[in-house]
Amino acid sequence: MSKFLLDIAFEKGFKLILGKHLDYSTMRVNGICSIYEDNQGRQIIWGLHEYKKPPTLIYPRPNILKYIMLSEHPYISNIKPENDKKICIGQQYDDVVNQALKEIDNELLFEAMFDKSIIIKLN
């Protein structure tokens, strides 16, 4: 089993920024997050992001591609069968990030967070 992503961050020198662990922001739904920073100034933001979703990686998100049918899209409804087609969704959706956190080795995800040439493909 893969290590938890934040455990990997701690091993790599990331620390909780004191006074920022409960940041309230109108930029994010519910806006509650923890901010971690390393000695190079790189930040990781973990917390609540989408309505009715668990805490997750908010920033930086690795490049993730997932192909689904249009009728399976979480924000599109009433697709007629003849109009259904395969589309690509990505890391902008918490469900996609959470699936990657469960299925992909978190060491690779951590590396991909800071190396945008790495693309994670999900089924």
C-alpha atoms as a PDB file:
ATOM      1  CA  MET A   1       0.000   0.000   0.000  1.00  0.00           C
ATOM      2  CA  SER A   2       1.182   3.473  -0.894  1.00  0.00           C
ATOM      3  CA  LYS A   3       2.133   5.996   1.782  1.00  0.00           C
ATOM      4  CA  PHE A   4      -0.269   8.844   2.491  1.00  0.00           C
ATOM      5  CA  LEU A   5       0.615  11.860   0.333  1.00  0.00           C
ATOM      6  CA  LEU A   6       1.123  14.231   3.266  1.00  0.00           C
ATOM      7  CA  ASP A   7       3.446  11.713   4.968  1.00  0.00           C
ATOM      8  CA  ILE A   8       5.595  11.830   1.831  1.00  0.00           C
ATOM      9  CA  ALA A   9       5.526  15.640   1.961  1.00  0.00           C
ATOM     10  CA  PHE A  10       6.660  15.616   5.602  1.00  0.00           C
ATOM     11  CA  GLU A  11       9.523  13.254   4.708  1.00  0.00           C
ATOM     12  CA  LYS A  12      10.558  15.713   1.970  1.00  0.00           C
ATOM     13  CA  GLY A  13      10.716  18.618   4.430  1.00  0.00           C
ATOM     14  CA  PHE A  14       7.269  20.191   4.133  1.00  0.00           C
ATOM     15  CA  LYS A  15       5.971  21.723   7.347  1.00  0.00           C
ATOM     16  CA  LEU A  16       2.632  23.152   8.380  1.00  0.00           C
ATOM     17  CA  ILE A  17       2.681  26.935   8.123  1.00  0.00           C
ATOM     18  CA  LEU A  18       1.672  28.079  11.589  1.00  0.00           C
ATOM     19  CA  GLY A  19      -1.276  30.410  11.613  1.00  0.00           C
ATOM     20  CA  LYS A  20      -2.348  29.137   8.195  1.00  0.00           C
ATOM     21  CA  HIS A  21      -3.585  25.674   9.141  1.00  0.00           C
ATOM     22  CA  LEU A  22      -7.200  26.825   9.111  1.00  0.00           C
ATOM     23  CA  ASP A  23      -7.268  29.296   6.273  1.00  0.00           C
ATOM     24  CA  TYR A  24     -10.769  30.506   5.372  1.00  0.00           C
ATOM     25  CA  SER A  25     -11.011  31.545   1.765  1.00  0.00           C
ATOM     26  CA  THR A  26     -13.822  32.489  -0.572  1.00  0.00           C
ATOM     27  CA  MET A  27     -11.702  31.055  -3.386  1.00  0.00           C
ATOM     28  CA  ARG A  28     -12.646  27.508  -2.339  1.00  0.00           C
ATOM     29  CA  VAL A  29     -16.036  26.059  -1.475  1.00  0.00           C
ATOM     30  CA  ASN A  30     -16.153  25.875   2.332  1.00  0.00           C
ATOM     31  CA  GLY A  31     -12.600  27.281   2.188  1.00  0.00           C
ATOM     32  CA  ILE A  32     -11.015  25.299   5.023  1.00  0.00           C
ATOM     33  CA  CYS A  33      -7.520  24.035   4.325  1.00  0.00           C
ATOM     34  CA  SER A  34      -4.043  23.398   5.688  1.00  0.00           C
ATOM     35  CA  ILE A  35      -1.009  24.902   3.975  1.00  0.00           C
ATOM     36  CA  TYR A  36       2.373  23.159   4.033  1.00  0.00           C
ATOM     37  CA  GLU A  37       5.625  24.654   2.752  1.00  0.00           C
ATOM     38  CA  ASP A  38       9.159  23.417   2.206  1.00  0.00           C
ATOM     39  CA  ASN A  39      12.401  25.388   2.531  1.00  0.00           C
ATOM     40  CA  GLN A  40      12.259  26.260  -1.202  1.00  0.00           C
ATOM     41  CA  GLY A  41       8.914  28.011  -0.721  1.00  0.00           C
ATOM     42  CA  ARG A  42       6.883  25.347  -2.551  1.00  0.00           C
ATOM     43  CA  GLN A  43       3.431  24.964  -1.035  1.00  0.00           C
ATOM     44  CA  ILE A  44       0.932  22.137  -0.743  1.00  0.00           C
ATOM     45  CA  ILE A  45      -2.674  22.972   0.118  1.00  0.00           C
ATOM     46  CA  TRP A  46      -4.863  20.187   1.528  1.00  0.00           C
ATOM     47  CA  GLY A  47      -8.460  20.596   2.655  1.00  0.00           C
ATOM     48  CA  LEU A  48     -12.089  20.995   1.681  1.00  0.00           C
ATOM     49  CA  HIS A  49     -12.522  21.973  -1.944  1.00  0.00           C
ATOM     50  CA  GLU A  50     -15.814  20.804  -3.481  1.00  0.00           C
ATOM     51  CA  TYR A  51     -19.203  20.806  -1.820  1.00  0.00           C
ATOM     52  CA  LYS A  52     -20.031  17.511  -0.046  1.00  0.00           C
ATOM     53  CA  LYS A  53     -16.588  16.015  -0.775  1.00  0.00           C
ATOM     54  CA  PRO A  54     -13.916  14.867   1.702  1.00  0.00           C
ATOM     55  CA  PRO A  55     -10.674  16.792   2.277  1.00  0.00           C
ATOM     56  CA  THR A  56      -8.282  16.369  -0.635  1.00  0.00           C
ATOM     57  CA  LEU A  57      -5.265  17.773  -2.410  1.00  0.00           C
ATOM     58  CA  ILE A  58      -6.189  21.272  -3.568  1.00  0.00           C
ATOM     59  CA  TYR A  59      -2.838  22.563  -4.861  1.00  0.00           C
ATOM     60  CA  PRO A  60      -0.653  21.759  -6.725  1.00  0.00           C
ATOM     61  CA  ARG A  61      -2.577  19.082  -8.540  1.00  0.00           C
ATOM     62  CA  PRO A  62      -0.735  16.688 -10.845  1.00  0.00           C
ATOM     63  CA  ASN A  63      -1.848  16.387 -14.461  1.00  0.00           C
ATOM     64  CA  ILE A  64      -4.481  13.649 -14.463  1.00  0.00           C
ATOM     65  CA  LEU A  65      -6.525  12.383 -17.397  1.00  0.00           C
ATOM     66  CA  LYS A  66      -9.624  10.241 -17.066  1.00  0.00           C
ATOM     67  CA  TYR A  67     -11.956   9.254 -19.879  1.00  0.00           C
ATOM     68  CA  ILE A  68     -15.644   8.910 -19.095  1.00  0.00           C
ATOM     69  CA  MET A  69     -18.870   8.897 -21.043  1.00  0.00           C
ATOM     70  CA  LEU A  70     -20.525  12.315 -21.218  1.00  0.00           C
ATOM     71  CA  SER A  71     -23.580  10.830 -19.471  1.00  0.00           C
ATOM     72  CA  GLU A  72     -21.331   9.966 -16.473  1.00  0.00           C
ATOM     73  CA  HIS A  73     -20.143  13.563 -16.023  1.00  0.00           C
ATOM     74  CA  PRO A  74     -20.962  14.785 -12.492  1.00  0.00           C
ATOM     75  CA  TYR A  75     -22.339  18.152 -13.650  1.00  0.00           C
ATOM     76  CA  ILE A  76     -24.096  17.267 -16.904  1.00  0.00           C
ATOM     77  CA  SER A  77     -27.484  15.589 -17.030  1.00  0.00           C
ATOM     78  CA  ASN A  78     -30.175  14.602 -19.509  1.00  0.00           C
ATOM     79  CA  ILE A  79     -27.835  13.337 -22.217  1.00  0.00           C
ATOM     80  CA  LYS A  80     -29.713  11.529 -24.960  1.00  0.00           C
ATOM     81  CA  PRO A  81     -28.131   8.140 -25.782  1.00  0.00           C
ATOM     82  CA  GLU A  82     -27.458   9.214 -29.368  1.00  0.00           C
ATOM     83  CA  ASN A  83     -25.475  12.229 -28.066  1.00  0.00           C
ATOM     84  CA  ASP A  84     -23.424  10.292 -25.515  1.00  0.00           C
ATOM     85  CA  LYS A  85     -19.707  10.176 -26.252  1.00  0.00           C
ATOM     86  CA  LYS A  86     -16.394   9.629 -24.518  1.00  0.00           C
ATOM     87  CA  ILE A  87     -14.834  12.775 -23.048  1.00  0.00           C
ATOM     88  CA  CYS A  88     -11.721  13.537 -21.053  1.00  0.00           C
ATOM     89  CA  ILE A  89     -11.918  15.102 -17.610  1.00  0.00           C
ATOM     90  CA  GLY A  90      -9.001  15.920 -15.380  1.00  0.00           C
ATOM     91  CA  GLN A  91      -7.571  17.040 -12.089  1.00  0.00           C
ATOM     92  CA  GLN A  92     -10.005  19.929 -11.701  1.00  0.00           C
ATOM     93  CA  TYR A  93     -12.512  17.466 -10.206  1.00  0.00           C
ATOM     94  CA  ASP A  94     -12.019  16.213  -6.642  1.00  0.00           C
ATOM     95  CA  ASP A  95     -13.387  12.773  -7.579  1.00  0.00           C
ATOM     96  CA  VAL A  96     -10.591  12.375 -10.140  1.00  0.00           C
ATOM     97  CA  VAL A  97      -7.918  13.490  -7.651  1.00  0.00           C
ATOM     98  CA  ASN A  98      -9.318  11.209  -4.954  1.00  0.00           C
ATOM     99  CA  GLN A  99      -9.364   8.251  -7.350  1.00  0.00           C
ATOM    100  CA  ALA A 100      -5.709   8.943  -8.189  1.00  0.00           C
ATOM    101  CA  LEU A 101      -4.823   9.178  -4.484  1.00  0.00           C
ATOM    102  CA  LYS A 102      -6.362   5.718  -3.973  1.00  0.00           C
ATOM    103  CA  GLU A 103      -5.122   3.960  -7.118  1.00  0.00           C
ATOM    104  CA  ILE A 104      -1.765   5.537  -8.023  1.00  0.00           C
ATOM    105  CA  ASP A 105       1.432   5.292  -6.005  1.00  0.00           C
ATOM    106  CA  ASN A 106       1.547   8.517  -3.985  1.00  0.00           C
ATOM    107  CA  GLU A 107       5.331   8.839  -4.504  1.00  0.00           C
ATOM    108  CA  LEU A 108       4.597   9.230  -8.226  1.00  0.00           C
ATOM    109  CA  LEU A 109       1.729  11.635  -7.522  1.00  0.00           C
ATOM    110  CA  PHE A 110       4.002  13.726  -5.299  1.00  0.00           C
ATOM    111  CA  GLU A 111       6.613  13.906  -8.050  1.00  0.00           C
ATOM    112  CA  ALA A 112       3.926  14.780 -10.618  1.00  0.00           C
ATOM    113  CA  MET A 113       2.666  17.642  -8.431  1.00  0.00           C
ATOM    114  CA  PHE A 114       5.887  19.540  -9.140  1.00  0.00           C
ATOM    115  CA  ASP A 115       6.804  18.067 -12.549  1.00  0.00           C
ATOM    116  CA  LYS A 116       4.041  18.947 -14.993  1.00  0.00           C
ATOM    117  CA  SER A 117       5.623  16.798 -17.713  1.00  0.00           C
ATOM    118  CA  ILE A 118       4.263  13.737 -15.846  1.00  0.00           C
ATOM    119  CA  ILE A 119       0.716  12.808 -16.867  1.00  0.00           C
ATOM    120  CA  ILE A 120      -1.285  10.333 -14.796  1.00  0.00           C
ATOM    121  CA  LYS A 121      -3.882   8.331 -16.746  1.00  0.00           C
ATOM    122  CA  LEU A 122      -6.828   6.760 -14.902  1.00  0.00           C
ATOM    123  CA  ASN A 123      -9.303   4.148 -16.064  1.00  0.00           C
END
